[in-house]
Structure formats: C-alpha cells, structure tokens
Protein backbone atom coordinates (compact mmCIF):
# COMPACT_ATOMS: atom_id res chain seq x y z
CA MET A 1 83.52 100.51 102.41
CA SER A 2 86.50 102.45 103.62
CA ALA A 3 87.80 101.98 107.13
CA ARG A 4 88.19 105.69 107.55
CA ALA A 5 84.99 105.97 109.63
CA THR A 6 83.27 103.30 111.60
CA SER A 7 79.78 104.76 112.04
CA GLY A 8 77.34 106.86 110.16
CA ASP A 9 78.53 109.93 112.10
CA ALA A 10 81.05 111.97 110.05
CA PHE A 11 82.74 112.95 113.35
CA SER A 12 83.92 109.40 113.70
CA ASP A 13 86.45 110.28 111.01
CA PRO A 14 89.37 112.22 112.56
CA ALA A 15 90.17 113.91 109.23
CA PHE A 16 86.66 115.37 109.05
CA ARG A 17 86.91 116.71 112.55
CA TRP A 18 89.97 118.70 111.51
CA LEU A 19 88.20 119.95 108.35
CA TRP A 20 85.14 120.89 110.44
CA GLY A 21 87.28 122.85 112.86
CA ALA A 22 88.96 124.68 110.01
CA THR A 23 85.64 125.50 108.44
CA ILE A 24 84.03 126.89 111.61
CA LEU A 25 87.13 129.06 112.25
CA ALA A 26 87.00 130.43 108.67
CA GLN A 27 83.32 131.14 108.97
CA THR A 28 83.86 132.81 112.40
CA GLY A 29 86.49 134.99 110.77
CA SER A 30 83.95 135.98 108.13
CA SER A 31 81.35 136.75 110.82
CA LEU A 32 83.79 138.92 112.76
CA GLY A 33 84.69 140.77 109.58
CA SER A 34 81.05 141.35 108.71
CA VAL A 35 80.81 143.39 111.98
CA ALA A 36 84.22 145.02 111.88
CA ILE A 37 84.08 146.39 108.35
CA PRO A 38 80.82 148.42 108.70
CA LEU A 39 81.98 149.74 112.10
CA ILE A 40 85.22 150.99 110.60
CA ALA A 41 83.56 152.33 107.43
CA ILE A 42 80.95 154.33 109.36
CA ASN A 43 82.58 155.24 112.70
CA GLU A 44 86.28 155.49 111.72
CA LEU A 45 86.18 156.65 108.11
CA GLY A 46 82.88 158.50 108.21
CA MET A 47 81.48 156.88 105.05
CA ASN A 48 77.96 157.91 104.12
CA GLU A 49 75.15 155.46 103.33
CA ALA A 50 75.83 155.49 99.60
CA THR A 51 79.52 154.63 100.02
CA VAL A 52 78.69 151.87 102.51
CA ALA A 53 76.19 150.44 100.04
CA LEU A 54 78.76 150.66 97.23
CA LEU A 55 81.31 148.83 99.44
CA ALA A 56 78.85 145.96 99.97
CA THR A 57 77.88 145.92 96.27
CA SER A 58 81.53 145.78 95.11
CA SER A 59 82.10 142.76 97.33
CA ALA A 60 79.11 140.97 95.85
CA VAL A 61 80.22 141.80 92.31
CA VAL A 62 83.67 140.34 93.00
CA LEU A 63 82.04 137.17 94.30
CA LEU A 64 80.09 136.76 91.10
CA VAL A 65 82.98 137.61 88.79
CA ALA A 66 85.52 135.48 90.65
CA ALA A 67 83.37 132.38 91.01
CA PHE A 68 83.96 130.82 87.54
CA PRO A 69 87.76 131.32 87.50
CA ALA A 70 88.01 130.20 91.16
CA GLY A 71 86.23 126.95 90.30
CA TYR A 72 88.57 126.42 87.34
CA ILE A 73 91.66 127.20 89.39
CA ALA A 74 90.61 124.86 92.19
CA GLU A 75 89.54 122.00 89.93
CA PHE A 76 92.92 120.79 88.71
CA ARG A 77 95.02 121.60 91.76
CA ARG A 78 95.41 120.05 95.17
CA LYS A 79 92.73 121.55 97.36
CA ARG A 80 94.43 121.89 100.75
CA PRO A 81 97.19 124.24 99.61
CA LEU A 82 94.53 126.45 97.98
CA MET A 83 92.46 126.46 101.15
CA ILE A 84 95.47 127.31 103.29
CA GLY A 85 96.61 130.00 100.88
CA ALA A 86 93.11 131.60 100.76
CA ALA A 87 92.93 131.67 104.55
CA LEU A 88 96.38 133.14 104.96
CA VAL A 89 95.75 135.82 102.33
CA ARG A 90 92.61 136.86 104.25
CA ALA A 91 94.55 136.82 107.55
CA THR A 92 97.21 139.03 106.03
CA MET A 93 94.70 141.44 104.54
CA PHE A 94 92.84 141.98 107.82
CA THR A 95 96.13 142.40 109.68
CA VAL A 96 97.22 145.10 107.21
CA ILE A 97 93.85 146.91 107.60
CA ALA A 98 94.21 146.75 111.38
CA MET A 99 97.76 148.20 111.22
CA LEU A 100 96.65 150.97 108.87
CA LEU A 101 93.72 151.76 111.22
CA LEU A 102 96.00 151.91 114.30
CA THR A 103 98.50 154.19 112.53
CA GLY A 104 95.79 156.49 111.13
CA SER A 105 96.72 155.64 107.50
CA LEU A 106 93.57 153.79 106.51
CA HIS A 107 91.87 155.20 103.39
CA VAL A 108 88.55 154.32 101.79
CA ALA A 109 90.34 152.82 98.80
CA TRP A 110 92.00 150.23 101.06
CA MET A 111 88.54 149.09 102.18
CA PHE A 112 87.48 148.37 98.59
CA VAL A 113 90.71 146.49 97.89
CA ALA A 114 90.43 144.51 101.12
CA LEU A 115 86.77 143.47 100.61
CA GLY A 116 87.39 142.59 96.96
CA LEU A 117 90.38 140.38 97.88
CA ASN A 118 88.41 138.87 100.79
CA ALA A 119 85.48 137.96 98.45
CA ALA A 120 87.86 136.36 95.91
CA MET A 121 89.59 134.26 98.57
CA GLN A 122 86.25 133.32 100.09
CA ILE A 123 85.00 131.84 96.82
CA LEU A 124 88.34 130.11 96.18
CA PHE A 125 88.25 128.50 99.67
CA SER A 126 84.63 127.43 99.14
CA SER A 127 85.28 125.91 95.67
CA ALA A 128 88.28 123.96 96.91
CA SER A 129 86.57 122.87 100.14
CA SER A 130 83.55 121.48 98.37
CA ALA A 131 85.59 119.15 96.17
CA HIS A 132 87.88 118.28 99.06
CA THR A 133 84.94 117.27 101.27
CA LYS A 134 83.78 114.83 98.62
CA SER A 135 87.21 113.20 98.27
CA LEU A 136 87.77 113.09 102.01
CA LEU A 137 84.62 111.17 102.96
CA ASP A 138 82.89 107.94 102.05
CA PRO A 139 79.47 108.40 100.31
CA GLU A 140 77.50 107.24 103.36
CA HIS A 141 79.00 110.00 105.53
CA ARG A 142 78.61 112.96 103.11
CA ALA A 143 75.08 114.00 104.05
CA ASP A 144 76.01 114.03 107.73
CA ALA A 145 79.26 115.89 106.99
CA LEU A 146 77.50 118.57 104.93
CA GLY A 147 74.91 118.95 107.67
CA LYS A 148 77.63 119.37 110.29
CA LEU A 149 79.42 121.89 108.09
CA GLN A 150 76.16 123.82 107.64
CA ALA A 151 75.65 123.62 111.38
CA ALA A 152 79.08 125.24 111.77
CA ASN A 153 77.89 128.03 109.51
CA TRP A 154 74.74 128.51 111.57
CA THR A 155 76.80 128.58 114.79
CA SER A 156 79.06 131.32 113.37
CA LEU A 157 76.06 133.27 112.15
CA ILE A 158 74.37 133.10 115.54
CA LEU A 159 77.34 133.65 117.79
CA GLY A 160 79.80 135.48 115.53
CA PRO A 161 78.06 138.88 115.50
CA VAL A 162 77.41 138.72 119.26
CA VAL A 163 81.04 137.95 120.03
CA ALA A 164 82.22 140.58 117.55
CA GLY A 165 80.00 143.18 119.12
CA LEU A 166 81.31 142.39 122.61
CA ILE A 167 84.95 142.56 121.42
CA ALA A 168 84.37 145.87 119.63
CA GLY A 169 82.53 147.22 122.66
CA VAL A 170 85.28 146.55 125.16
CA SER A 171 88.26 147.20 122.89
CA SER A 172 88.33 148.56 119.33
CA PRO A 173 87.62 147.56 115.71
CA ALA A 174 91.36 147.08 115.19
CA VAL A 175 91.44 144.36 117.89
CA LEU A 176 88.42 142.81 116.24
CA LEU A 177 90.27 142.74 112.87
CA LEU A 178 93.31 141.09 114.52
CA GLY A 179 90.99 138.46 116.06
CA ASN A 180 89.58 137.97 112.59
CA ALA A 181 93.06 137.39 111.19
CA ALA A 182 93.85 134.93 114.01
CA ALA A 183 90.76 132.92 113.15
CA PHE A 184 91.93 132.49 109.52
CA ILE A 185 95.49 131.57 110.65
CA LEU A 186 94.11 128.83 112.94
CA SER A 187 91.82 127.65 110.11
CA ALA A 188 94.85 127.31 107.81
CA ALA A 189 96.73 125.42 110.54
CA LEU A 190 93.88 122.92 110.96
CA VAL A 191 93.68 122.29 107.22
CA ARG A 192 97.44 121.73 107.21
CA GLY A 193 97.05 119.28 110.07
CA ILE A 194 94.34 117.03 108.55
CA PRO A 195 95.69 113.58 109.44
CA ARG A 196 95.34 111.96 106.04
CA PRO A 197 97.22 112.64 102.81
CA GLU A 198 95.29 114.41 100.11
CA GLY A 199 94.73 112.44 96.92
CA PRO A 200 95.89 113.59 93.49
CA ALA A 201 94.08 116.38 91.72
CA PRO A 202 91.87 115.47 88.71
CA ALA A 203 93.67 115.51 85.37
CA ARG A 204 93.07 118.49 83.18
CA GLY A 205 90.85 117.89 80.09
CA LYS A 206 92.16 117.77 76.58
CA SER A 207 90.34 121.00 75.52
CA SER A 208 92.64 123.97 75.02
CA ARG A 209 89.82 126.48 75.41
CA ARG A 210 90.07 127.75 78.93
CA GLY A 211 86.77 129.63 78.66
CA ARG A 212 84.92 126.45 77.81
CA GLU A 213 86.75 124.60 80.58
CA ALA A 214 85.85 127.30 83.09
CA ILE A 215 82.11 126.95 82.42
CA ALA A 216 82.11 123.16 82.06
CA GLY A 217 80.56 122.86 85.54
CA ALA A 218 77.59 124.99 84.51
CA HIS A 219 77.20 122.98 81.31
CA PHE A 220 77.12 119.78 83.33
CA LEU A 221 74.43 121.08 85.73
CA LEU A 222 72.25 121.95 82.71
CA ARG A 223 73.01 118.76 80.77
CA GLU A 224 72.51 116.11 83.46
CA PRO A 225 68.67 115.49 83.65
CA MET A 226 68.27 115.09 87.38
CA LEU A 227 70.71 117.86 88.29
CA ARG A 228 69.01 120.21 85.80
CA ARG A 229 65.69 119.86 87.62
CA LEU A 230 67.36 120.20 91.02
CA PHE A 231 69.18 123.29 89.77
CA LEU A 232 66.05 124.95 88.42
CA SER A 233 64.13 124.21 91.60
CA TRP A 234 66.95 125.64 93.69
CA LEU A 235 67.11 128.84 91.64
CA ILE A 236 63.42 129.51 92.11
CA PHE A 237 63.60 128.77 95.80
CA ALA A 238 66.82 130.73 96.43
CA GLY A 239 65.40 133.78 94.63
CA ALA A 240 62.17 133.66 96.57
CA VAL A 241 63.97 133.31 99.89
CA ALA A 242 66.31 136.22 99.06
CA ALA A 243 63.28 138.40 98.33
CA LEU A 244 61.62 137.33 101.58
CA THR A 245 63.99 139.34 103.77
CA PRO A 246 63.25 142.90 102.52
CA ILE A 247 59.53 142.12 102.27
CA THR A 248 59.27 140.75 105.82
CA GLN A 249 61.22 143.76 107.09
CA VAL A 250 58.46 146.03 105.82
CA PHE A 251 55.71 143.60 106.86
CA TYR A 252 56.96 143.17 110.41
CA ILE A 253 57.72 146.85 111.11
CA GLN A 254 55.09 148.76 109.13
CA ASP A 255 52.16 146.38 108.75
CA LEU A 256 52.27 144.37 111.97
CA GLN A 257 53.89 147.15 114.05
CA PHE A 258 56.30 144.85 115.87
CA THR A 259 58.64 146.43 118.37
CA GLU A 260 62.43 146.45 117.93
CA VAL A 261 62.69 143.60 120.48
CA GLN A 262 60.13 141.47 118.65
CA TYR A 263 61.84 142.15 115.35
CA GLY A 264 65.20 141.14 116.73
CA LEU A 265 63.79 137.94 118.17
CA LEU A 266 62.16 137.05 114.86
CA MET A 267 65.48 137.54 113.08
CA GLY A 268 67.57 135.68 115.59
CA LEU A 269 65.74 132.84 117.44
CA PRO A 270 64.66 130.87 114.35
CA SER A 271 68.33 130.39 113.40
CA LEU A 272 68.34 127.67 116.05
CA GLY A 273 65.96 125.77 113.78
CA GLY A 274 68.51 125.92 110.98
CA LEU A 275 71.25 124.76 113.33
CA ILE A 276 69.25 121.78 114.58
CA GLY A 277 68.03 120.82 111.10
CA ALA A 278 71.58 120.85 109.74
CA TRP A 279 72.88 118.77 112.67
CA VAL A 280 70.28 115.99 112.29
CA THR A 281 70.47 115.72 108.47
CA GLY A 282 72.86 112.80 108.50
CA ARG A 283 70.67 110.77 110.75
CA ILE A 284 67.55 111.46 108.65
CA ALA A 285 69.34 110.79 105.34
CA ARG A 286 70.60 107.40 106.64
CA ARG A 287 67.03 106.41 107.40
CA TRP A 288 65.29 107.84 104.31
CA ARG A 289 68.24 107.87 101.89
CA LEU A 290 69.27 110.98 99.97
CA GLY A 291 66.65 111.19 97.18
CA PRO A 292 63.58 110.82 99.46
CA THR A 293 65.14 113.12 102.05
CA VAL A 294 65.44 115.90 99.46
CA TRP A 295 61.86 115.33 98.36
CA TRP A 296 60.15 115.05 101.75
CA SER A 297 62.11 117.85 103.39
CA SER A 298 61.20 120.08 100.39
CA ILE A 299 57.54 119.24 100.90
CA LEU A 300 57.72 119.84 104.64
CA ARG A 301 59.43 123.24 104.33
CA THR A 302 56.69 124.61 101.99
CA PRO A 303 53.58 124.97 104.20
CA TRP A 304 55.40 127.22 106.65
CA TYR A 305 55.50 129.96 104.01
CA LEU A 306 51.71 129.96 104.05
CA LEU A 307 51.76 131.32 107.58
CA TYR A 308 53.58 134.50 106.61
CA PRO A 309 50.72 136.27 104.77
CA LEU A 310 48.18 134.93 107.27
CA ALA A 311 49.88 136.54 110.27
CA GLN A 312 48.01 139.32 112.07
CA PRO A 313 49.22 142.07 114.48
CA GLY A 314 49.67 141.13 118.09
CA ILE A 315 51.24 138.36 120.10
CA SER A 316 49.46 135.60 118.11
CA GLY A 317 50.94 136.89 114.84
CA PHE A 318 54.39 137.12 116.48
CA VAL A 319 54.23 133.53 117.71
CA MET A 320 52.92 132.31 114.30
CA LEU A 321 55.81 134.00 112.47
CA LEU A 322 58.36 132.76 115.01
CA LEU A 323 57.15 129.15 114.43
CA ALA A 324 56.99 129.68 110.64
CA PHE A 325 60.57 130.98 110.31
CA THR A 326 61.88 128.28 112.63
CA GLY A 327 60.06 125.57 110.62
CA VAL A 328 61.37 127.01 107.34
CA LEU A 329 64.95 127.04 108.51
CA PHE A 330 64.76 123.58 110.08
CA PHE A 331 63.51 121.80 106.97
CA SER A 332 65.49 124.01 104.55
CA SER A 333 68.70 123.04 106.36
CA ILE A 334 67.88 119.37 105.85
CA THR A 335 67.03 119.99 102.18
CA ASN A 336 70.20 121.97 101.51
CA SER A 337 72.52 119.42 103.10
CA ALA A 338 70.85 116.42 101.53
CA MET A 339 70.75 118.11 98.12
CA GLY A 340 74.46 119.02 98.45
CA ALA A 341 75.29 115.35 99.13
CA LEU A 342 73.14 114.25 96.19
CA ARG A 343 74.96 116.73 93.93
CA MET A 344 78.26 115.22 95.09
CA GLU A 345 77.07 111.72 94.11
CA LEU A 346 75.88 112.86 90.70
CA THR A 347 78.90 115.03 89.85
CA PRO A 348 82.19 113.54 88.58
CA ASP A 349 85.29 114.42 90.61
CA HIS A 350 86.87 116.40 87.73
CA LEU A 351 83.82 118.78 87.66
CA MET A 352 83.17 119.14 91.39
CA SER A 353 84.85 122.50 91.99
CA ARG A 354 83.49 124.07 88.77
CA SER A 355 79.93 122.85 89.30
CA SER A 356 80.03 124.07 92.90
CA ALA A 357 81.18 127.48 91.66
CA ALA A 358 78.39 127.55 89.05
CA TRP A 359 75.81 126.61 91.66
CA GLY A 360 77.09 129.40 93.92
CA ILE A 361 76.94 131.97 91.14
CA ALA A 362 73.38 131.03 90.34
CA THR A 363 72.42 131.24 93.98
CA MET A 364 73.93 134.69 94.36
CA GLY A 365 72.24 135.86 91.16
CA ALA A 366 68.81 134.50 91.91
CA GLY A 367 68.14 137.06 94.64
CA PRO A 368 68.98 140.19 92.61
CA ALA A 369 66.83 138.76 89.76
CA LEU A 370 63.66 138.27 91.85
CA ILE A 371 63.99 140.97 94.53
CA PRO A 372 63.11 143.83 92.17
CA ILE A 373 60.13 141.91 90.74
CA LEU A 374 58.67 141.06 94.17
CA GLY A 375 59.54 144.52 95.43
CA PHE A 376 57.41 145.91 92.58
CA VAL A 377 54.58 143.60 93.63
CA MET A 378 54.85 144.90 97.14
CA GLN A 379 54.91 148.52 95.99
CA ALA A 380 51.94 148.06 93.57
CA THR A 381 49.87 146.15 96.18
CA ASN A 382 51.17 145.50 99.69
CA ALA A 383 53.63 143.34 101.61
CA ARG A 384 51.05 140.70 102.37
CA THR A 385 50.33 140.17 98.65
CA ALA A 386 54.06 139.90 97.96
CA LEU A 387 54.27 137.18 100.68
CA TRP A 388 51.52 135.28 98.86
CA ALA A 389 53.64 135.54 95.69
CA ILE A 390 56.66 134.16 97.58
CA PHE A 391 54.53 131.19 98.81
CA ALA A 392 53.50 130.56 95.20
CA LEU A 393 57.15 130.59 94.04
CA VAL A 394 58.22 128.20 96.77
CA THR A 395 55.41 125.87 95.74
CA VAL A 396 56.55 126.07 92.12
CA SER A 397 60.10 125.18 93.22
CA LEU A 398 58.66 122.07 94.84
CA LEU A 399 56.73 121.08 91.71
CA VAL A 400 59.85 121.44 89.53
CA LEU A 401 61.75 118.78 91.53
CA PRO A 402 62.21 115.36 89.74
CA VAL A 403 59.96 113.56 92.23
CA ARG A 404 60.00 110.14 90.43
CA ARG A 405 63.75 110.07 90.13
CA LEU A 406 64.28 111.30 93.70
CA ASN A 407 62.11 108.45 94.95
CA SER A 408 63.32 105.84 92.48
CA ALA A 409 65.37 102.78 93.58
CA GLN A 410 68.52 104.45 92.17
CA ALA A 411 68.09 107.68 94.13
CA THR A 412 67.09 105.71 97.23
CA GLU A 413 70.41 103.97 97.19
CA LEU A 414 72.35 107.24 97.05
C-alpha cells in the first residue's frame, strides 16, 4: 500500500485535496455560466425561444462529437497540462464574451462559438481528470474520492445557480461572466499546485489507425464481460432517468396541480440526498466492498421509482414525491460513485481516458434515444402511465447487472 494516504478518507491525501478544490471550482464555473449564458441570450441579445433552444442543442452536439477525439487526445498525454489548458481556454473565452458585452460588440455568432468551445474544453477536462484521478489515488481510496468529487458537483449544482442569480441581480451578466472566468483560472492554479509529480502518460499503441485507436475505449467496454453488463445497465438507467424530468414536469404541474413553490421545492431539496449519498460512498464501499456496493445500492434505488406513479394530488402526494426523489438521488449517488471506482479497477490505464469518453457519450445519447419514446407513451396515454414505464425500465436495468460477478469473491476484493 502506498504511503500517500493514511486512512480510508481520500481527503487524507493532500494531492487529492488540491484536485478536489480544482474540480469544485471548475464545476462552479460551469454553474455560473449555465445562468449567465441564457440571461445574456434572452435579455441582452433578444434571442427568441427557437434560437435559445438551438444554442443549447449546438452545445450538446459539440459534446457528443468532441468526446471521442478528446478521449484519444487525453489518453497519451500528461493529464495536468491538458486540464490546466482546458480551464484557461474557458476562462479566456468567458472573459472575451464579457468584454464584448460591455463594449456592445457581442453578436449571436459569438455565443455559438463560445458555447461550442466551452463544451469541447469541458469534455477534454473531464476525460483527462478521470484518468488522472485513477493514477493519483490508491485503489482503496478511489470510491471515496469519486464520491467526494460527485459531492462537489452536487454542491455546485445546488449553490451555483443561487449565487449566480444573486450576482446577476446586484450587478450584471458581464460581472457574472468575469466571476466565471476567475473560477476557471483558480481551478487551473490548483491543478498546477498539486503537490505530487504526475506520472508518465501511457505509451501509444502500435496501431497506425487513429480511428480505431479513438474508439478503443468503446470496444473495451463492449468486450470485457463484466463492464459490458454494467454498461448496458447504465445505458438503460440513464435513458430512463433523462426521460423522467420532462414527464414529471407535466405530472407535477398538470396532473397533480402543484404550485410553483411546491414544484421548486421538489426540484431543489432532493439534491441534498444526492450530496449526502455521494459523500458517504467511500465509507459504505469500505464496509461492503465495491461489487456488493454497486449491487445493493442499485437494488435500494429502484423501489423509490414505484412511488412516482402512485402519488396523488395534495400534501400527501407532495411529501411522497419529495421522499421518492430524495431516496433516488441518495442511492443513485452511491451507485454512480461505486460503479465509477469499479470501472477504474477493471480498465487498464492506457484505455482510461478513452473508455471514460465512450461512457460519457453513451450517457449523453441515452436520454435523446428514450425521451421521444416515453414522450409518445405519455402523449398516447398519460404521464402516470409513462412513469410506470420508467419504473419498469429502471427494474430492467437492475436485472441486467452481473449480480453473481458483483458479489463474487473477486468483485468483493475490489
């Protein structure tokens, strides 16, 4: 065992504390940008609904298109310079947009360029960070580290929009953009300051076909028996969860007649469940081990989806859904972090960035694949029936998991 950390807590490793700080600052920057960009697009540039939707769609398309090359670029290079470069490019981009806004020179075209570049740098940072996290930490600390990193994401999601709204309310979107840029600059500085030298990058394979090398991570996910089952289960689950949001929006507002305050509470308060679940993942994984943690947390997240279609109008339905969403996010956070650590253990170092990129692409594509199907179910029947369909899909994702291998002696030792 390495002497880098002396307890099961990843925070006992000083290098991880710097990485965690860099990550939460980068995610805070993203949260600030998610508020600033729509405000500028609508209030400053007067974009209509169609153009705003196209702006969001173009960013998602860039994420999908850039993921494979980003994984390939990150795989055979040192990860920290890539992370620093990606953060500084995003900082520069948001600073330029702020200056253009202040001088009255901002055009719609700049917004498309900025968001496209931001999406490309986001996926590059993520691909490099995933592989770097594996190399930075001992195996026994990875589940806790991934949980703490996911908790950082939950924190930025919960507090980021609130802080961004306050800044925009008392100043201007330009100031918000400059704060966004500052967060990325500080993130880059923390990555630069990680108090441990980075190891060498994996050697490039002998194949001269770059296209084949770029998709080698996806091939590995589909070829390795245990990862293939985990991958399929995740795709089904991710697609069902993505479809849940538009269906519950209709269900809460039209069917259950919840007020705006109730709707806001349902969308916001359960995030605390995700934050807590992510934070305690390391402790749970140390007790249960990785394989059983993935299996049992997947079981425990499933029954909560049964409460959605059973909810009725009124305070009882509101409380039921509040508990359901909190339970879903709590156990899903544990599953996600433990599964991420298990993927790290099963994936060779020279495929880590590319397999992470492939996993991310599949996750982003699962929603658009299932949302239209479940939307059709809702349109043909009603939102409650669509919620029953989501519960069925989540149950299928549980049944697809390789239960025997997850609970085998080998997986228990992971």
